[in-house]
C-alpha atoms as a PDB file:
ATOM      1  CA  UNK A   1     -13.894  -9.700  -5.807  1.00  0.00           C
ATOM      2  CA  UNK A   2     -15.120  -6.697  -3.922  1.00  0.00           C
ATOM      3  CA  UNK A   3     -14.308  -3.135  -4.903  1.00  0.00           C
ATOM      4  CA  UNK A   4     -11.020  -1.778  -3.605  1.00  0.00           C
ATOM      5  CA  UNK A   5     -11.296   1.711  -2.055  1.00  0.00           C
ATOM      6  CA  UNK A   6      -9.185   4.293  -3.890  1.00  0.00           C
ATOM      7  CA  UNK A   7      -6.607   4.934  -1.137  1.00  0.00           C
ATOM      8  CA  UNK A   8      -6.210   1.229  -0.486  1.00  0.00           C
ATOM      9  CA  UNK A   9      -5.779   0.712  -4.212  1.00  0.00           C
ATOM     10  CA  UNK A  10      -3.054   3.373  -4.378  1.00  0.00           C
ATOM     11  CA  UNK A  11      -1.251   1.705  -1.459  1.00  0.00           C
ATOM     12  CA  UNK A  12      -1.493  -1.706  -3.137  1.00  0.00           C
ATOM     13  CA  UNK A  13      -0.153  -0.237  -6.381  1.00  0.00           C
ATOM     14  CA  UNK A  14       2.924   1.018  -4.504  1.00  0.00           C
ATOM     15  CA  UNK A  15       3.404  -2.480  -3.075  1.00  0.00           C
ATOM     16  CA  UNK A  16       3.343  -3.935  -6.590  1.00  0.00           C
ATOM     17  CA  UNK A  17       6.900  -2.557  -6.813  1.00  0.00           C
ATOM     18  CA  UNK A  18       7.992  -4.741  -3.899  1.00  0.00           C
ATOM     19  CA  UNK A  19       8.130  -5.091  -0.130  1.00  0.00           C
ATOM     20  CA  UNK A  20       8.428  -1.801   1.769  1.00  0.00           C
ATOM     21  CA  UNK A  21       7.495  -0.013   4.983  1.00  0.00           C
ATOM     22  CA  UNK A  22       4.560   2.344   5.566  1.00  0.00           C
ATOM     23  CA  UNK A  23       6.652   5.512   5.632  1.00  0.00           C
ATOM     24  CA  UNK A  24       7.984   4.766   2.148  1.00  0.00           C
ATOM     25  CA  UNK A  25       4.436   4.145   0.905  1.00  0.00           C
ATOM     26  CA  UNK A  26       3.411   7.507   2.362  1.00  0.00           C
ATOM     27  CA  UNK A  27       6.418   9.238   0.812  1.00  0.00           C
ATOM     28  CA  UNK A  28       5.534   7.878  -2.615  1.00  0.00           C
ATOM     29  CA  UNK A  29       1.897   8.945  -2.355  1.00  0.00           C
ATOM     30  CA  UNK A  30       2.523  12.385  -0.817  1.00  0.00           C
ATOM     31  CA  UNK A  31       0.917  14.853  -0.768  1.00  0.00           C
ATOM     32  CA  UNK A  32      -2.204  13.139  -2.104  1.00  0.00           C
ATOM     33  CA  UNK A  33      -2.671  10.732   0.803  1.00  0.00           C
ATOM     34  CA  UNK A  34      -2.327  11.507   4.501  1.00  0.00           C
ATOM     35  CA  UNK A  35      -0.027   9.538   6.794  1.00  0.00           C
ATOM     36  CA  UNK A  36      -2.844   8.104   8.913  1.00  0.00           C
ATOM     37  CA  UNK A  37      -4.743   7.124   5.759  1.00  0.00           C
ATOM     38  CA  UNK A  38      -1.805   4.987   4.640  1.00  0.00           C
ATOM     39  CA  UNK A  39      -1.694   3.115   7.949  1.00  0.00           C
ATOM     40  CA  UNK A  40      -5.482   2.622   7.924  1.00  0.00           C
ATOM     41  CA  UNK A  41      -5.407   1.365   4.320  1.00  0.00           C
ATOM     42  CA  UNK A  42      -2.572  -1.045   5.131  1.00  0.00           C
ATOM     43  CA  UNK A  43      -4.445  -2.381   8.167  1.00  0.00           C
ATOM     44  CA  UNK A  44      -7.634  -2.931   6.139  1.00  0.00           C
ATOM     45  CA  UNK A  45      -5.680  -4.517   3.283  1.00  0.00           C
ATOM     46  CA  UNK A  46      -3.949  -6.859   5.708  1.00  0.00           C
ATOM     47  CA  UNK A  47      -7.290  -7.812   7.297  1.00  0.00           C
ATOM     48  CA  UNK A  48      -8.606  -8.691   3.816  1.00  0.00           C
ATOM     49  CA  UNK A  49      -5.516 -10.766   3.043  1.00  0.00           C
ATOM     50  CA  UNK A  50      -4.273  -8.351   0.359  1.00  0.00           C
ATOM     51  CA  UNK A  51      -0.959  -7.745   2.142  1.00  0.00           C
ATOM     52  CA  UNK A  52       1.204  -9.550   4.658  1.00  0.00           C
ATOM     53  CA  UNK A  53       3.515  -7.845   7.118  1.00  0.00           C
ATOM     54  CA  UNK A  54       6.644  -8.592   9.068  1.00  0.00           C
ATOM     55  CA  UNK A  55       8.599  -6.617  11.628  1.00  0.00           C
ATOM     56  CA  UNK A  56      12.202  -5.811  10.811  1.00  0.00           C
ATOM     57  CA  UNK A  57      14.863  -7.651  12.807  1.00  0.00           C
ATOM     58  CA  UNK A  58      15.994  -4.988  15.276  1.00  0.00           C
ATOM     59  CA  UNK A  59      19.451  -6.577  15.522  1.00  0.00           C
ATOM     60  CA  UNK A  60      19.988  -5.845  11.815  1.00  0.00           C
ATOM     61  CA  UNK A  61      19.742  -2.070  12.407  1.00  0.00           C
ATOM     62  CA  UNK A  62      22.598   0.098  13.627  1.00  0.00           C
ATOM     63  CA  UNK A  63      22.274   1.178  17.278  1.00  0.00           C
ATOM     64  CA  UNK A  64      20.401   4.463  17.627  1.00  0.00           C
ATOM     65  CA  UNK A  65      18.812   4.239  14.172  1.00  0.00           C
ATOM     66  CA  UNK A  66      15.272   4.282  15.514  1.00  0.00           C
ATOM     67  CA  UNK A  67      12.584   1.715  16.156  1.00  0.00           C
ATOM     68  CA  UNK A  68      12.123  -1.365  13.976  1.00  0.00           C
ATOM     69  CA  UNK A  69       9.999  -0.948  10.865  1.00  0.00           C
ATOM     70  CA  UNK A  70       7.059  -3.065   9.846  1.00  0.00           C
ATOM     71  CA  UNK A  71       7.415  -4.163   6.225  1.00  0.00           C
ATOM     72  CA  UNK A  72       4.449  -4.892   3.987  1.00  0.00           C
ATOM     73  CA  UNK A  73       4.261  -7.116   0.930  1.00  0.00           C
ATOM     74  CA  UNK A  74       1.342  -7.567  -1.445  1.00  0.00           C
ATOM     75  CA  UNK A  75      -0.116 -11.096  -1.606  1.00  0.00           C
ATOM     76  CA  UNK A  76      -1.432 -12.929  -4.656  1.00  0.00           C
ATOM     77  CA  UNK A  77      -4.948 -12.029  -3.500  1.00  0.00           C
ATOM     78  CA  UNK A  78      -3.927  -8.369  -3.313  1.00  0.00           C
ATOM     79  CA  UNK A  79      -2.389  -8.464  -6.790  1.00  0.00           C
ATOM     80  CA  UNK A  80      -5.639  -9.914  -8.130  1.00  0.00           C
ATOM     81  CA  UNK A  81      -7.699  -7.240  -6.371  1.00  0.00           C
ATOM     82  CA  UNK A  82      -5.616  -4.343  -7.665  1.00  0.00           C
ATOM     83  CA  UNK A  83      -5.460  -5.768 -11.201  1.00  0.00           C
ATOM     84  CA  UNK A  84      -9.244  -6.152 -11.191  1.00  0.00           C
ATOM     85  CA  UNK A  85      -9.627  -2.573  -9.949  1.00  0.00           C
ATOM     86  CA  UNK A  86      -7.333  -1.347 -12.725  1.00  0.00           C
ATOM     87  CA  UNK A  87      -9.673  -2.827 -15.323  1.00  0.00           C
ATOM     88  CA  UNK A  88     -12.761  -0.999 -14.045  1.00  0.00           C
ATOM     89  CA  UNK A  89     -14.909   0.574 -16.759  1.00  0.00           C
ATOM     90  CA  UNK A  90     -13.799   3.999 -17.959  1.00  0.00           C
ATOM     91  CA  UNK A  91     -17.019   5.458 -16.557  1.00  0.00           C
ATOM     92  CA  UNK A  92     -15.678   5.039 -13.009  1.00  0.00           C
ATOM     93  CA  UNK A  93     -14.373   8.383 -11.747  1.00  0.00           C
ATOM     94  CA  UNK A  94     -10.608   8.308 -11.178  1.00  0.00           C
ATOM     95  CA  UNK A  95      -8.156  10.819  -9.847  1.00  0.00           C
ATOM     96  CA  UNK A  96      -4.533  11.014 -10.935  1.00  0.00           C
ATOM     97  CA  UNK A  97      -2.001  10.983  -8.111  1.00  0.00           C
ATOM     98  CA  UNK A  98       1.803  11.157  -8.183  1.00  0.00           C
ATOM     99  CA  UNK A  99       3.566   8.198  -9.734  1.00  0.00           C
ATOM    100  CA  UNK A 100       0.944   7.722 -12.441  1.00  0.00           C
ATOM    101  CA  UNK A 101      -1.304   5.572 -10.267  1.00  0.00           C
ATOM    102  CA  UNK A 102      -5.013   5.863 -10.744  1.00  0.00           C
ATOM    103  CA  UNK A 103      -7.304   5.836  -7.757  1.00  0.00           C
END
Protein backbone atom coordinates (compact mmCIF):
# COMPACT_ATOMS: atom_id res chain seq x y z
CA UNK A 1 0.00 0.00 0.00
CA UNK A 2 1.00 3.60 -0.37
CA UNK A 3 1.98 5.81 2.53
CA UNK A 4 -0.88 7.49 4.36
CA UNK A 5 -0.32 11.22 5.01
CA UNK A 6 -0.27 12.06 8.72
CA UNK A 7 -3.52 14.08 8.85
CA UNK A 8 -5.35 11.49 6.79
CA UNK A 9 -3.99 8.82 9.11
CA UNK A 10 -5.25 10.70 12.19
CA UNK A 11 -8.69 11.01 10.58
CA UNK A 12 -8.75 7.30 9.75
CA UNK A 13 -7.73 6.45 13.32
CA UNK A 14 -10.74 8.41 14.61
CA UNK A 15 -12.96 6.44 12.22
CA UNK A 16 -11.62 3.18 13.63
CA UNK A 17 -13.92 3.95 16.58
CA UNK A 18 -16.96 3.89 14.30
CA UNK A 19 -19.07 5.86 11.85
CA UNK A 20 -19.21 9.61 12.51
CA UNK A 21 -19.50 13.01 10.87
CA UNK A 22 -16.68 15.41 9.96
CA UNK A 23 -17.38 17.86 12.78
CA UNK A 24 -16.94 15.11 15.36
CA UNK A 25 -13.67 14.06 13.72
CA UNK A 26 -12.50 17.68 13.91
CA UNK A 27 -13.58 17.96 17.54
CA UNK A 28 -11.59 14.87 18.47
CA UNK A 29 -8.46 16.08 16.69
CA UNK A 30 -8.63 19.72 17.86
CA UNK A 31 -6.57 21.81 18.13
CA UNK A 32 -3.94 19.81 16.24
CA UNK A 33 -5.80 19.66 12.93
CA UNK A 34 -7.68 22.47 11.22
CA UNK A 35 -11.31 22.15 10.14
CA UNK A 36 -10.57 22.43 6.42
CA UNK A 37 -7.77 19.86 6.77
CA UNK A 38 -10.26 17.32 8.12
CA UNK A 39 -12.60 17.80 5.16
CA UNK A 40 -9.70 17.60 2.68
CA UNK A 41 -8.36 14.43 4.34
CA UNK A 42 -11.82 12.84 4.28
CA UNK A 43 -12.26 13.69 0.60
CA UNK A 44 -8.86 12.22 -0.30
CA UNK A 45 -9.50 9.13 1.83
CA UNK A 46 -12.86 8.61 0.15
CA UNK A 47 -11.28 8.99 -3.31
CA UNK A 48 -8.75 6.28 -2.36
CA UNK A 49 -11.51 3.98 -1.11
CA UNK A 50 -10.39 4.24 2.54
CA UNK A 51 -13.76 5.60 3.69
CA UNK A 52 -17.34 5.55 2.48
CA UNK A 53 -19.88 8.26 3.19
CA UNK A 54 -23.61 8.65 3.44
CA UNK A 55 -25.84 11.66 4.01
CA UNK A 56 -28.06 11.61 7.06
CA UNK A 57 -31.79 11.19 6.45
CA UNK A 58 -33.09 14.73 6.94
CA UNK A 59 -36.50 13.42 8.03
CA UNK A 60 -34.84 11.75 11.03
CA UNK A 61 -33.73 15.14 12.44
CA UNK A 62 -35.94 17.44 14.47
CA UNK A 63 -37.17 20.51 12.55
CA UNK A 64 -34.78 23.44 12.90
CA UNK A 65 -31.85 21.29 14.00
CA UNK A 66 -29.66 22.32 11.09
CA UNK A 67 -28.64 20.80 7.78
CA UNK A 68 -28.17 17.06 7.30
CA UNK A 69 -24.76 15.65 8.20
CA UNK A 70 -22.57 13.51 6.02
CA UNK A 71 -21.39 10.45 7.93
CA UNK A 72 -18.12 8.69 7.20
CA UNK A 73 -17.14 5.09 7.86
CA UNK A 74 -13.75 3.47 7.39
CA UNK A 75 -13.63 0.64 4.83
CA UNK A 76 -11.63 -2.58 5.02
CA UNK A 77 -9.09 -0.98 2.67
CA UNK A 78 -8.84 2.00 5.02
CA UNK A 79 -8.36 -0.24 8.06
CA UNK A 80 -5.54 -2.02 6.23
CA UNK A 81 -3.91 1.28 5.27
CA UNK A 82 -4.01 2.71 8.79
CA UNK A 83 -2.82 -0.56 10.37
CA UNK A 84 0.10 -0.65 7.92
CA UNK A 85 0.93 2.98 8.74
CA UNK A 86 0.87 2.16 12.46
CA UNK A 87 3.58 -0.44 11.94
CA UNK A 88 6.01 1.95 10.25
CA UNK A 89 9.60 1.70 11.47
CA UNK A 90 10.40 3.66 14.62
CA UNK A 91 12.75 5.84 12.58
CA UNK A 92 9.76 7.56 10.95
CA UNK A 93 9.15 10.92 12.63
CA UNK A 94 5.82 10.99 14.47
CA UNK A 95 3.98 13.65 16.37
CA UNK A 96 1.68 12.96 19.30
CA UNK A 97 -1.78 14.48 19.02
CA UNK A 98 -4.75 14.37 21.40
CA UNK A 99 -6.34 10.98 21.91
CA UNK A 100 -3.02 9.12 21.80
CA UNK A 101 -3.00 8.83 18.02
CA UNK A 102 0.32 8.98 16.27
CA UNK A 103 0.65 10.88 13.03
